[in-house]
Amino acid sequence: MIDEKDDFQYNNEEEAEMAQLHSIHIHMNAVGDVQRKLAAQALQESLTHCEECGDEIPEARRKAVLGVKYCVYCQELNEHGKAR
């Protein structure tokens, strides 16, 4: 005979596991999207001056971030959804 408490607990554990798997799937898709965007960006030439403010982008940044368009300050603003 099956104890109803055990069956209920099993369903909750199963649901929790399914929720975790769903969360992992969503995060893996997000990581894949970022990887595709970075790969596409890397095919573009890095700018010498920021597309947003016009400040010079240091050579070290241009080499480290292939296809870079923004200085560090403007990049941070863009990532946080703030306009300059």
PDB file of N, CA and C in Angstrom:
ATOM      1  N   MET A   1       0.837  -1.176   0.000  1.00  0.00           N
ATOM      2  CA  MET A   1       0.000   0.000   0.000  1.00  0.00           C
ATOM      3  C   MET A   1       0.884   1.242   0.000  1.00  0.00           C
ATOM      4  N   ILE A   2       0.504   2.270  -0.792  1.00  0.00           N
ATOM      5  CA  ILE A   2       1.280   3.512  -0.909  1.00  0.00           C
ATOM      6  C   ILE A   2       0.787   4.511   0.114  1.00  0.00           C
ATOM      7  N   ASP A   3       1.726   5.052   0.827  1.00  0.00           N
ATOM      8  CA  ASP A   3       1.406   6.089   1.796  1.00  0.00           C
ATOM      9  C   ASP A   3       1.196   7.398   1.044  1.00  0.00           C
ATOM     10  N   GLU A   4       0.058   8.070   1.254  1.00  0.00           N
ATOM     11  CA  GLU A   4      -0.248   9.309   0.539  1.00  0.00           C
ATOM     12  C   GLU A   4       0.781  10.399   0.820  1.00  0.00           C
ATOM     13  N   LYS A   5       1.343  10.444   2.002  1.00  0.00           N
ATOM     14  CA  LYS A   5       2.352  11.450   2.331  1.00  0.00           C
ATOM     15  C   LYS A   5       3.593  11.251   1.466  1.00  0.00           C
ATOM     16  N   ASP A   6       4.026   9.998   1.308  1.00  0.00           N
ATOM     17  CA  ASP A   6       5.188   9.711   0.481  1.00  0.00           C
ATOM     18  C   ASP A   6       4.931  10.080  -0.979  1.00  0.00           C
ATOM     19  N   ASP A   7       3.746   9.760  -1.479  1.00  0.00           N
ATOM     20  CA  ASP A   7       3.393  10.056  -2.859  1.00  0.00           C
ATOM     21  C   ASP A   7       3.358  11.564  -3.082  1.00  0.00           C
ATOM     22  N   PHE A   8       2.802  12.304  -2.150  1.00  0.00           N
ATOM     23  CA  PHE A   8       2.729  13.761  -2.263  1.00  0.00           C
ATOM     24  C   PHE A   8       4.124  14.369  -2.236  1.00  0.00           C
ATOM     25  N   GLN A   9       4.961  13.881  -1.354  1.00  0.00           N
ATOM     26  CA  GLN A   9       6.328  14.378  -1.253  1.00  0.00           C
ATOM     27  C   GLN A   9       7.085  14.077  -2.542  1.00  0.00           C
ATOM     28  N   TYR A  10       6.895  12.893  -3.085  1.00  0.00           N
ATOM     29  CA  TYR A  10       7.567  12.525  -4.329  1.00  0.00           C
ATOM     30  C   TYR A  10       7.162  13.480  -5.444  1.00  0.00           C
ATOM     31  N   ASN A  11       5.894  13.809  -5.540  1.00  0.00           N
ATOM     32  CA  ASN A  11       5.439  14.731  -6.576  1.00  0.00           C
ATOM     33  C   ASN A  11       6.075  16.101  -6.401  1.00  0.00           C
ATOM     34  N   ASN A  12       6.191  16.567  -5.174  1.00  0.00           N
ATOM     35  CA  ASN A  12       6.821  17.860  -4.936  1.00  0.00           C
ATOM     36  C   ASN A  12       8.296  17.820  -5.326  1.00  0.00           C
ATOM     37  N   GLU A  13       8.970  16.729  -4.995  1.00  0.00           N
ATOM     38  CA  GLU A  13      10.379  16.594  -5.363  1.00  0.00           C
ATOM     39  C   GLU A  13      10.522  16.531  -6.878  1.00  0.00           C
ATOM     40  N   GLU A  14       9.639  15.803  -7.519  1.00  0.00           N
ATOM     41  CA  GLU A  14       9.682  15.682  -8.973  1.00  0.00           C
ATOM     42  C   GLU A  14       9.426  17.048  -9.622  1.00  0.00           C
ATOM     43  N   GLU A  15       8.465  17.775  -9.102  1.00  0.00           N
ATOM     44  CA  GLU A  15       8.170  19.105  -9.634  1.00  0.00           C
ATOM     45  C   GLU A  15       9.354  20.046  -9.429  1.00  0.00           C
ATOM     46  N   ALA A  16       9.991  19.966  -8.282  1.00  0.00           N
ATOM     47  CA  ALA A  16      11.152  20.805  -8.000  1.00  0.00           C
ATOM     48  C   ALA A  16      12.288  20.465  -8.963  1.00  0.00           C
ATOM     49  N   GLU A  17      12.489  19.188  -9.220  1.00  0.00           N
ATOM     50  CA  GLU A  17      13.531  18.765 -10.152  1.00  0.00           C
ATOM     51  C   GLU A  17      13.222  19.253 -11.564  1.00  0.00           C
ATOM     52  N   MET A  18      11.979  19.159 -11.978  1.00  0.00           N
ATOM     53  CA  MET A  18      11.584  19.630 -13.301  1.00  0.00           C
ATOM     54  C   MET A  18      11.782  21.153 -13.399  1.00  0.00           C
ATOM     55  N   ALA A  19      11.474  21.874 -12.344  1.00  0.00           N
ATOM     56  CA  ALA A  19      11.673  23.321 -12.334  1.00  0.00           C
ATOM     57  C   ALA A  19      13.157  23.661 -12.452  1.00  0.00           C
ATOM     58  N   GLN A  20      13.999  22.888 -11.766  1.00  0.00           N
ATOM     59  CA  GLN A  20      15.445  23.104 -11.864  1.00  0.00           C
ATOM     60  C   GLN A  20      15.937  22.836 -13.287  1.00  0.00           C
ATOM     61  N   LEU A  21      15.486  21.757 -13.880  1.00  0.00           N
ATOM     62  CA  LEU A  21      15.877  21.436 -15.248  1.00  0.00           C
ATOM     63  C   LEU A  21      15.417  22.515 -16.226  1.00  0.00           C
ATOM     64  N   HIS A  22      14.221  23.018 -16.012  1.00  0.00           N
ATOM     65  CA  HIS A  22      13.704  24.098 -16.862  1.00  0.00           C
ATOM     66  C   HIS A  22      14.562  25.350 -16.711  1.00  0.00           C
ATOM     67  N   SER A  23      14.935  25.674 -15.496  1.00  0.00           N
ATOM     68  CA  SER A  23      15.789  26.835 -15.235  1.00  0.00           C
ATOM     69  C   SER A  23      17.151  26.671 -15.894  1.00  0.00           C
ATOM     70  N   ILE A  24      17.725  25.484 -15.791  1.00  0.00           N
ATOM     71  CA  ILE A  24      19.017  25.209 -16.432  1.00  0.00           C
ATOM     72  C   ILE A  24      18.897  25.369 -17.943  1.00  0.00           C
ATOM     73  N   HIS A  25      17.820  24.863 -18.506  1.00  0.00           N
ATOM     74  CA  HIS A  25      17.591  24.967 -19.948  1.00  0.00           C
ATOM     75  C   HIS A  25      17.510  26.433 -20.375  1.00  0.00           C
ATOM     76  N   ILE A  26      16.787  27.237 -19.637  1.00  0.00           N
ATOM     77  CA  ILE A  26      16.654  28.664 -19.957  1.00  0.00           C
ATOM     78  C   ILE A  26      18.013  29.353 -19.898  1.00  0.00           C
ATOM     79  N   HIS A  27      18.801  29.045 -18.864  1.00  0.00           N
ATOM     80  CA  HIS A  27      20.111  29.670 -18.718  1.00  0.00           C
ATOM     81  C   HIS A  27      21.080  29.208 -19.813  1.00  0.00           C
ATOM     82  N   MET A  28      20.996  27.956 -20.193  1.00  0.00           N
ATOM     83  CA  MET A  28      21.856  27.465 -21.272  1.00  0.00           C
ATOM     84  C   MET A  28      21.512  28.156 -22.594  1.00  0.00           C
ATOM     85  N   ASN A  29      20.238  28.389 -22.835  1.00  0.00           N
ATOM     86  CA  ASN A  29      19.829  29.116 -24.038  1.00  0.00           C
ATOM     87  C   ASN A  29      20.359  30.544 -24.012  1.00  0.00           C
ATOM     88  N   ALA A  30      20.312  31.181 -22.845  1.00  0.00           N
ATOM     89  CA  ALA A  30      20.814  32.545 -22.714  1.00  0.00           C
ATOM     90  C   ALA A  30      22.319  32.588 -22.962  1.00  0.00           C
ATOM     91  N   VAL A  31      23.044  31.616 -22.433  1.00  0.00           N
ATOM     92  CA  VAL A  31      24.494  31.548 -22.651  1.00  0.00           C
ATOM     93  C   VAL A  31      24.776  31.346 -24.138  1.00  0.00           C
ATOM     94  N   GLY A  32      24.019  30.499 -24.782  1.00  0.00           N
ATOM     95  CA  GLY A  32      24.182  30.267 -26.217  1.00  0.00           C
ATOM     96  C   GLY A  32      23.942  31.531 -27.019  1.00  0.00           C
ATOM     97  N   ASP A  33      22.935  32.311 -26.634  1.00  0.00           N
ATOM     98  CA  ASP A  33      22.653  33.577 -27.316  1.00  0.00           C
ATOM     99  C   ASP A  33      23.840  34.532 -27.186  1.00  0.00           C
ATOM    100  N   VAL A  34      24.390  34.639 -25.991  1.00  0.00           N
ATOM    101  CA  VAL A  34      25.541  35.514 -25.764  1.00  0.00           C
ATOM    102  C   VAL A  34      26.740  35.042 -26.579  1.00  0.00           C
ATOM    103  N   GLN A  35      26.974  33.737 -26.608  1.00  0.00           N
ATOM    104  CA  GLN A  35      28.092  33.199 -27.390  1.00  0.00           C
ATOM    105  C   GLN A  35      27.936  33.526 -28.874  1.00  0.00           C
ATOM    106  N   ARG A  36      26.726  33.396 -29.399  1.00  0.00           N
ATOM    107  CA  ARG A  36      26.487  33.714 -30.815  1.00  0.00           C
ATOM    108  C   ARG A  36      26.711  35.198 -31.086  1.00  0.00           C
ATOM    109  N   LYS A  37      26.254  36.054 -30.183  1.00  0.00           N
ATOM    110  CA  LYS A  37      26.440  37.497 -30.354  1.00  0.00           C
ATOM    111  C   LYS A  37      27.920  37.865 -30.303  1.00  0.00           C
ATOM    112  N   LEU A  38      28.662  37.273 -29.376  1.00  0.00           N
ATOM    113  CA  LEU A  38      30.086  37.560 -29.278  1.00  0.00           C
ATOM    114  C   LEU A  38      30.837  37.067 -30.510  1.00  0.00           C
ATOM    115  N   ALA A  39      30.446  35.921 -31.028  1.00  0.00           N
ATOM    116  CA  ALA A  39      31.090  35.392 -32.228  1.00  0.00           C
ATOM    117  C   ALA A  39      30.823  36.307 -33.423  1.00  0.00           C
ATOM    118  N   ALA A  40      29.599  36.799 -33.553  1.00  0.00           N
ATOM    119  CA  ALA A  40      29.263  37.721 -34.644  1.00  0.00           C
ATOM    120  C   ALA A  40      30.011  39.042 -34.472  1.00  0.00           C
ATOM    121  N   GLN A  41      30.099  39.523 -33.239  1.00  0.00           N
ATOM    122  CA  GLN A  41      30.809  40.771 -32.958  1.00  0.00           C
ATOM    123  C   GLN A  41      32.289  40.634 -33.285  1.00  0.00           C
ATOM    124  N   ALA A  42      32.864  39.482 -32.985  1.00  0.00           N
ATOM    125  CA  ALA A  42      34.299  39.254 -33.205  1.00  0.00           C
ATOM    126  C   ALA A  42      34.662  39.310 -34.684  1.00  0.00           C
ATOM    127  N   LEU A  43      33.694  39.123 -35.560  1.00  0.00           N
ATOM    128  CA  LEU A  43      33.949  39.186 -36.995  1.00  0.00           C
ATOM    129  C   LEU A  43      34.056  40.624 -37.494  1.00  0.00           C
ATOM    130  N   GLN A  44      33.585  41.572 -36.664  1.00  0.00           N
ATOM    131  CA  GLN A  44      33.631  42.983 -37.035  1.00  0.00           C
ATOM    132  C   GLN A  44      34.933  43.616 -36.540  1.00  0.00           C
ATOM    133  N   GLU A  45      35.339  44.668 -37.209  1.00  0.00           N
ATOM    134  CA  GLU A  45      36.545  45.381 -36.801  1.00  0.00           C
ATOM    135  C   GLU A  45      36.246  46.235 -35.573  1.00  0.00           C
ATOM    136  N   SER A  46      37.175  46.239 -34.627  1.00  0.00           N
ATOM    137  CA  SER A  46      37.030  47.090 -33.450  1.00  0.00           C
ATOM    138  C   SER A  46      37.155  48.552 -33.859  1.00  0.00           C
ATOM    139  N   LEU A  47      36.335  49.397 -33.239  1.00  0.00           N
ATOM    140  CA  LEU A  47      36.414  50.830 -33.516  1.00  0.00           C
ATOM    141  C   LEU A  47      37.536  51.454 -32.696  1.00  0.00           C
ATOM    142  N   THR A  48      38.126  52.505 -33.222  1.00  0.00           N
ATOM    143  CA  THR A  48      39.173  53.209 -32.479  1.00  0.00           C
ATOM    144  C   THR A  48      38.578  54.243 -31.537  1.00  0.00           C
ATOM    145  N   HIS A  49      37.347  54.672 -31.849  1.00  0.00           N
ATOM    146  CA  HIS A  49      36.663  55.652 -31.013  1.00  0.00           C
ATOM    147  C   HIS A  49      35.245  55.165 -30.709  1.00  0.00           C
ATOM    148  N   CYS A  50      34.796  55.466 -29.515  1.00  0.00           N
ATOM    149  CA  CYS A  50      33.489  55.022 -29.023  1.00  0.00           C
ATOM    150  C   CYS A  50      32.366  55.511 -29.931  1.00  0.00           C
ATOM    151  N   GLU A  51      31.501  54.605 -30.302  1.00  0.00           N
ATOM    152  CA  GLU A  51      30.352  54.922 -31.141  1.00  0.00           C
ATOM    153  C   GLU A  51      29.384  55.860 -30.429  1.00  0.00           C
ATOM    154  N   GLU A  52      29.362  55.821 -29.119  1.00  0.00           N
ATOM    155  CA  GLU A  52      28.413  56.607 -28.326  1.00  0.00           C
ATOM    156  C   GLU A  52      28.943  58.013 -28.017  1.00  0.00           C
ATOM    157  N   CYS A  53      30.141  58.100 -27.449  1.00  0.00           N
ATOM    158  CA  CYS A  53      30.641  59.394 -26.964  1.00  0.00           C
ATOM    159  C   CYS A  53      31.802  59.955 -27.780  1.00  0.00           C
ATOM    160  N   GLY A  54      32.419  59.124 -28.611  1.00  0.00           N
ATOM    161  CA  GLY A  54      33.520  59.586 -29.438  1.00  0.00           C
ATOM    162  C   GLY A  54      34.885  59.521 -28.785  1.00  0.00           C
ATOM    163  N   ASP A  55      34.950  59.121 -27.501  1.00  0.00           N
ATOM    164  CA  ASP A  55      36.245  58.998 -26.829  1.00  0.00           C
ATOM    165  C   ASP A  55      37.047  57.861 -27.455  1.00  0.00           C
ATOM    166  N   GLU A  56      38.363  57.975 -27.376  1.00  0.00           N
ATOM    167  CA  GLU A  56      39.231  56.933 -27.909  1.00  0.00           C
ATOM    168  C   GLU A  56      39.081  55.642 -27.102  1.00  0.00           C
ATOM    169  N   ILE A  57      39.035  54.532 -27.793  1.00  0.00           N
ATOM    170  CA  ILE A  57      39.005  53.221 -27.144  1.00  0.00           C
ATOM    171  C   ILE A  57      40.448  52.728 -27.081  1.00  0.00           C
ATOM    172  N   PRO A  58      40.971  52.476 -25.889  1.00  0.00           N
ATOM    173  CA  PRO A  58      42.365  52.042 -25.764  1.00  0.00           C
ATOM    174  C   PRO A  58      42.645  50.767 -26.571  1.00  0.00           C
ATOM    175  N   GLU A  59      43.862  50.681 -27.086  1.00  0.00           N
ATOM    176  CA  GLU A  59      44.256  49.534 -27.903  1.00  0.00           C
ATOM    177  C   GLU A  59      44.089  48.213 -27.149  1.00  0.00           C
ATOM    178  N   ALA A  60      44.423  48.233 -25.870  1.00  0.00           N
ATOM    179  CA  ALA A  60      44.294  47.003 -25.074  1.00  0.00           C
ATOM    180  C   ALA A  60      42.845  46.517 -25.067  1.00  0.00           C
ATOM    181  N   ARG A  61      41.888  47.435 -24.967  1.00  0.00           N
ATOM    182  CA  ARG A  61      40.468  47.054 -24.988  1.00  0.00           C
ATOM    183  C   ARG A  61      40.085  46.544 -26.371  1.00  0.00           C
ATOM    184  N   ARG A  62      40.580  47.183 -27.414  1.00  0.00           N
ATOM    185  CA  ARG A  62      40.257  46.753 -28.781  1.00  0.00           C
ATOM    186  C   ARG A  62      40.772  45.348 -29.048  1.00  0.00           C
ATOM    187  N   LYS A  63      41.917  45.009 -28.459  1.00  0.00           N
ATOM    188  CA  LYS A  63      42.461  43.666 -28.635  1.00  0.00           C
ATOM    189  C   LYS A  63      41.739  42.644 -27.752  1.00  0.00           C
ATOM    190  N   ALA A  64      41.349  43.063 -26.563  1.00  0.00           N
ATOM    191  CA  ALA A  64      40.701  42.142 -25.621  1.00  0.00           C
ATOM    192  C   ALA A  64      39.253  41.847 -26.000  1.00  0.00           C
ATOM    193  N   VAL A  65      38.561  42.842 -26.548  1.00  0.00           N
ATOM    194  CA  VAL A  65      37.149  42.693 -26.907  1.00  0.00           C
ATOM    195  C   VAL A  65      37.046  42.886 -28.417  1.00  0.00           C
ATOM    196  N   LEU A  66      37.099  41.788 -29.143  1.00  0.00           N
ATOM    197  CA  LEU A  66      37.055  41.866 -30.600  1.00  0.00           C
ATOM    198  C   LEU A  66      35.732  42.475 -31.069  1.00  0.00           C
ATOM    199  N   GLY A  67      35.822  43.419 -31.997  1.00  0.00           N
ATOM    200  CA  GLY A  67      34.623  44.069 -32.517  1.00  0.00           C
ATOM    201  C   GLY A  67      34.028  45.098 -31.573  1.00  0.00           C
ATOM    202  N   VAL A  68      34.827  45.581 -30.636  1.00  0.00           N
ATOM    203  CA  VAL A  68      34.320  46.533 -29.640  1.00  0.00           C
ATOM    204  C   VAL A  68      33.851  47.829 -30.310  1.00  0.00           C
ATOM    205  N   LYS A  69      32.745  48.382 -29.802  1.00  0.00           N
ATOM    206  CA  LYS A  69      32.170  49.609 -30.354  1.00  0.00           C
ATOM    207  C   LYS A  69      32.146  50.747 -29.337  1.00  0.00           C
ATOM    208  N   TYR A  70      32.255  50.386 -28.044  1.00  0.00           N
ATOM    209  CA  TYR A  70      32.060  51.387 -26.995  1.00  0.00           C
ATOM    210  C   TYR A  70      33.235  51.418 -26.030  1.00  0.00           C
ATOM    211  N   CYS A  71      33.479  52.589 -25.451  1.00  0.00           N
ATOM    212  CA  CYS A  71      34.434  52.691 -24.351  1.00  0.00           C
ATOM    213  C   CYS A  71      33.827  51.976 -23.145  1.00  0.00           C
ATOM    214  N   VAL A  72      34.620  51.750 -22.122  1.00  0.00           N
ATOM    215  CA  VAL A  72      34.149  51.013 -20.944  1.00  0.00           C
ATOM    216  C   VAL A  72      32.946  51.710 -20.312  1.00  0.00           C
ATOM    217  N   TYR A  73      33.026  53.024 -20.174  1.00  0.00           N
ATOM    218  CA  TYR A  73      31.947  53.775 -19.517  1.00  0.00           C
ATOM    219  C   TYR A  73      30.623  53.612 -20.275  1.00  0.00           C
ATOM    220  N   CYS A  74      30.656  53.835 -21.586  1.00  0.00           N
ATOM    221  CA  CYS A  74      29.425  53.720 -22.378  1.00  0.00           C
ATOM    222  C   CYS A  74      28.918  52.281 -22.427  1.00  0.00           C
ATOM    223  N   GLN A  75      29.833  51.311 -22.445  1.00  0.00           N
ATOM    224  CA  GLN A  75      29.431  49.908 -22.426  1.00  0.00           C
ATOM    225  C   GLN A  75      28.669  49.593 -21.144  1.00  0.00           C
ATOM    226  N   GLU A  76      29.170  50.090 -20.023  1.00  0.00           N
ATOM    227  CA  GLU A  76      28.484  49.866 -18.742  1.00  0.00           C
ATOM    228  C   GLU A  76      27.107  50.505 -18.757  1.00  0.00           C
ATOM    229  N   LEU A  77      27.007  51.719 -19.287  1.00  0.00           N
ATOM    230  CA  LEU A  77      25.696  52.374 -19.365  1.00  0.00           C
ATOM    231  C   LEU A  77      24.734  51.569 -20.234  1.00  0.00           C
ATOM    232  N   ASN A  78      25.217  51.087 -21.369  1.00  0.00           N
ATOM    233  CA  ASN A  78      24.364  50.300 -22.276  1.00  0.00           C
ATOM    234  C   ASN A  78      23.910  49.000 -21.618  1.00  0.00           C
ATOM    235  N   GLU A  79      24.809  48.352 -20.880  1.00  0.00           N
ATOM    236  CA  GLU A  79      24.448  47.094 -20.230  1.00  0.00           C
ATOM    237  C   GLU A  79      23.417  47.292 -19.128  1.00  0.00           C
ATOM    238  N   HIS A  80      23.395  48.475 -18.540  1.00  0.00           N
ATOM    239  CA  HIS A  80      22.436  48.755 -17.467  1.00  0.00           C
ATOM    240  C   HIS A  80      21.211  49.496 -17.986  1.00  0.00           C
ATOM    241  N   GLY A  81      21.117  49.637 -19.321  1.00  0.00           N
ATOM    242  CA  GLY A  81      19.945  50.249 -19.932  1.00  0.00           C
ATOM    243  C   GLY A  81      19.835  51.745 -19.707  1.00  0.00           C
ATOM    244  N   LYS A  82      20.956  52.409 -19.517  1.00  0.00           N
ATOM    245  CA  LYS A  82      20.957  53.854 -19.289  1.00  0.00           C
ATOM    246  C   LYS A  82      21.594  54.530 -20.495  1.00  0.00           C
ATOM    247  N   ALA A  83      20.989  55.628 -20.909  1.00  0.00           N
ATOM    248  CA  ALA A  83      21.567  56.403 -22.015  1.00  0.00           C
ATOM    249  C   ALA A  83      22.517  57.441 -21.455  1.00  0.00           C
ATOM    250  N   ARG A  84      23.489  57.796 -22.256  1.00  0.00           N
ATOM    251  CA  ARG A  84      24.446  58.815 -21.829  1.00  0.00           C
ATOM    252  C   ARG A  84      23.860  60.178 -21.955  1.00  0.00           C
TER     253      ARG A  84
END
